[in-house]
Amino acid sequence: MIQVVDRFGGRVGSTKGDGLLAVFGHPTAHEDDVRRAVLAGLEITREVARPSAQAKRRFGIEIHGGGHASIFASGGASSRDASSF
């Protein structure tokens, strides 16, 4: 999944357990950051579909993904403060 985020110009802010936080538009904002984030999410969804089908057949469980969008604005923060999410 990290490779997908990288390919669309995002940055992995953190990983916890089986999840990750992908950030688009930081440290450099682009006009199409929202579009790239959505495309990355769709690609991740497609990549999860196959293992999910296999897990359902084999173990009776499904793998799901989710997304959240929010706007974060920062002004006057030091690079140290802005680099950790």
Protein backbone atom coordinates (compact mmCIF):
# COMPACT_ATOMS: atom_id res chain seq x y z
CA MET A 1 0.00 0.00 0.00
CA ILE A 2 2.90 2.33 0.72
CA GLN A 3 4.02 2.00 -2.91
CA VAL A 4 0.57 3.09 -4.09
CA VAL A 5 0.67 6.18 -1.88
CA ASP A 6 4.16 6.98 -3.19
CA ARG A 7 3.12 6.49 -6.80
CA PHE A 8 0.36 9.08 -6.43
CA GLY A 9 2.62 11.60 -4.72
CA GLY A 10 1.43 11.08 -1.17
CA ARG A 11 3.40 10.50 1.99
CA VAL A 12 2.81 7.89 4.65
CA GLY A 13 2.50 9.86 7.87
CA SER A 14 2.29 6.85 10.16
CA THR A 15 1.41 3.17 10.36
CA LYS A 16 -0.35 1.44 13.22
CA GLY A 17 -1.29 -2.20 13.25
CA ASP A 18 -2.69 -3.01 9.85
CA GLY A 19 -3.54 0.61 9.00
CA LEU A 20 -1.72 3.57 7.61
CA LEU A 21 -2.19 7.32 7.44
CA ALA A 22 -1.50 8.71 3.98
CA VAL A 23 -1.09 12.45 3.59
CA PHE A 24 -1.37 14.37 0.34
CA GLY A 25 -0.36 18.00 0.01
CA HIS A 26 2.34 18.03 2.67
CA PRO A 27 5.02 19.28 2.70
CA THR A 28 4.24 20.71 -0.75
CA ALA A 29 0.65 21.37 -1.79
CA HIS A 30 -0.52 20.69 -5.34
CA GLU A 31 -3.75 21.77 -6.95
CA ASP A 32 -4.74 18.15 -7.60
CA ASP A 33 -3.88 16.64 -4.19
CA VAL A 34 -7.51 15.64 -3.59
CA ARG A 35 -7.68 13.89 -6.96
CA ARG A 36 -4.43 12.03 -6.30
CA ALA A 37 -5.62 10.96 -2.84
CA VAL A 38 -8.87 9.58 -4.28
CA LEU A 39 -7.03 7.73 -7.06
CA ALA A 40 -4.65 6.22 -4.51
CA GLY A 41 -7.62 5.12 -2.38
CA LEU A 42 -9.29 3.49 -5.36
CA GLU A 43 -6.08 1.68 -6.28
CA ILE A 44 -5.66 0.43 -2.72
CA THR A 45 -9.28 -0.80 -2.77
CA ARG A 46 -8.58 -2.74 -5.98
CA GLU A 47 -5.41 -4.25 -4.52
CA VAL A 48 -7.24 -5.39 -1.37
CA ALA A 49 -10.10 -7.03 -3.31
CA ARG A 50 -8.18 -10.15 -4.36
CA PRO A 51 -6.72 -11.07 -0.95
CA SER A 52 -10.11 -10.30 0.59
CA ALA A 53 -11.83 -12.83 -1.71
CA GLN A 54 -9.16 -15.42 -0.88
CA ALA A 55 -9.49 -14.80 2.87
CA LYS A 56 -13.27 -15.09 2.66
CA ARG A 57 -13.08 -18.43 0.86
CA ARG A 58 -10.37 -19.81 3.10
CA PHE A 59 -11.19 -18.38 6.53
CA GLY A 60 -14.66 -16.85 6.24
CA ILE A 61 -13.39 -13.32 6.88
CA GLU A 62 -13.33 -10.22 4.71
CA ILE A 63 -10.75 -7.47 4.43
CA HIS A 64 -12.11 -3.94 4.26
CA GLY A 65 -10.66 -0.50 3.77
CA GLY A 66 -11.88 2.95 4.54
CA GLY A 67 -10.98 6.53 3.93
CA HIS A 68 -11.31 9.87 5.61
CA ALA A 69 -10.77 13.31 4.17
CA SER A 70 -10.03 16.43 6.13
CA ILE A 71 -8.31 19.74 5.66
CA PHE A 72 -5.36 20.68 7.79
CA ALA A 73 -3.94 24.16 7.64
CA SER A 74 -0.77 25.19 9.37
CA GLY A 75 0.85 28.55 9.73
CA GLY A 76 4.00 29.47 11.56
CA ALA A 77 4.76 25.95 12.71
CA SER A 78 8.35 24.88 12.85
CA SER A 79 9.48 22.15 10.46
CA ARG A 80 9.83 19.84 13.47
CA ASP A 81 6.19 20.43 14.48
CA ALA A 82 4.85 20.08 10.95
CA SER A 83 6.72 16.88 10.21
CA SER A 84 4.93 14.73 12.79
CA PHE A 85 1.27 13.86 12.49
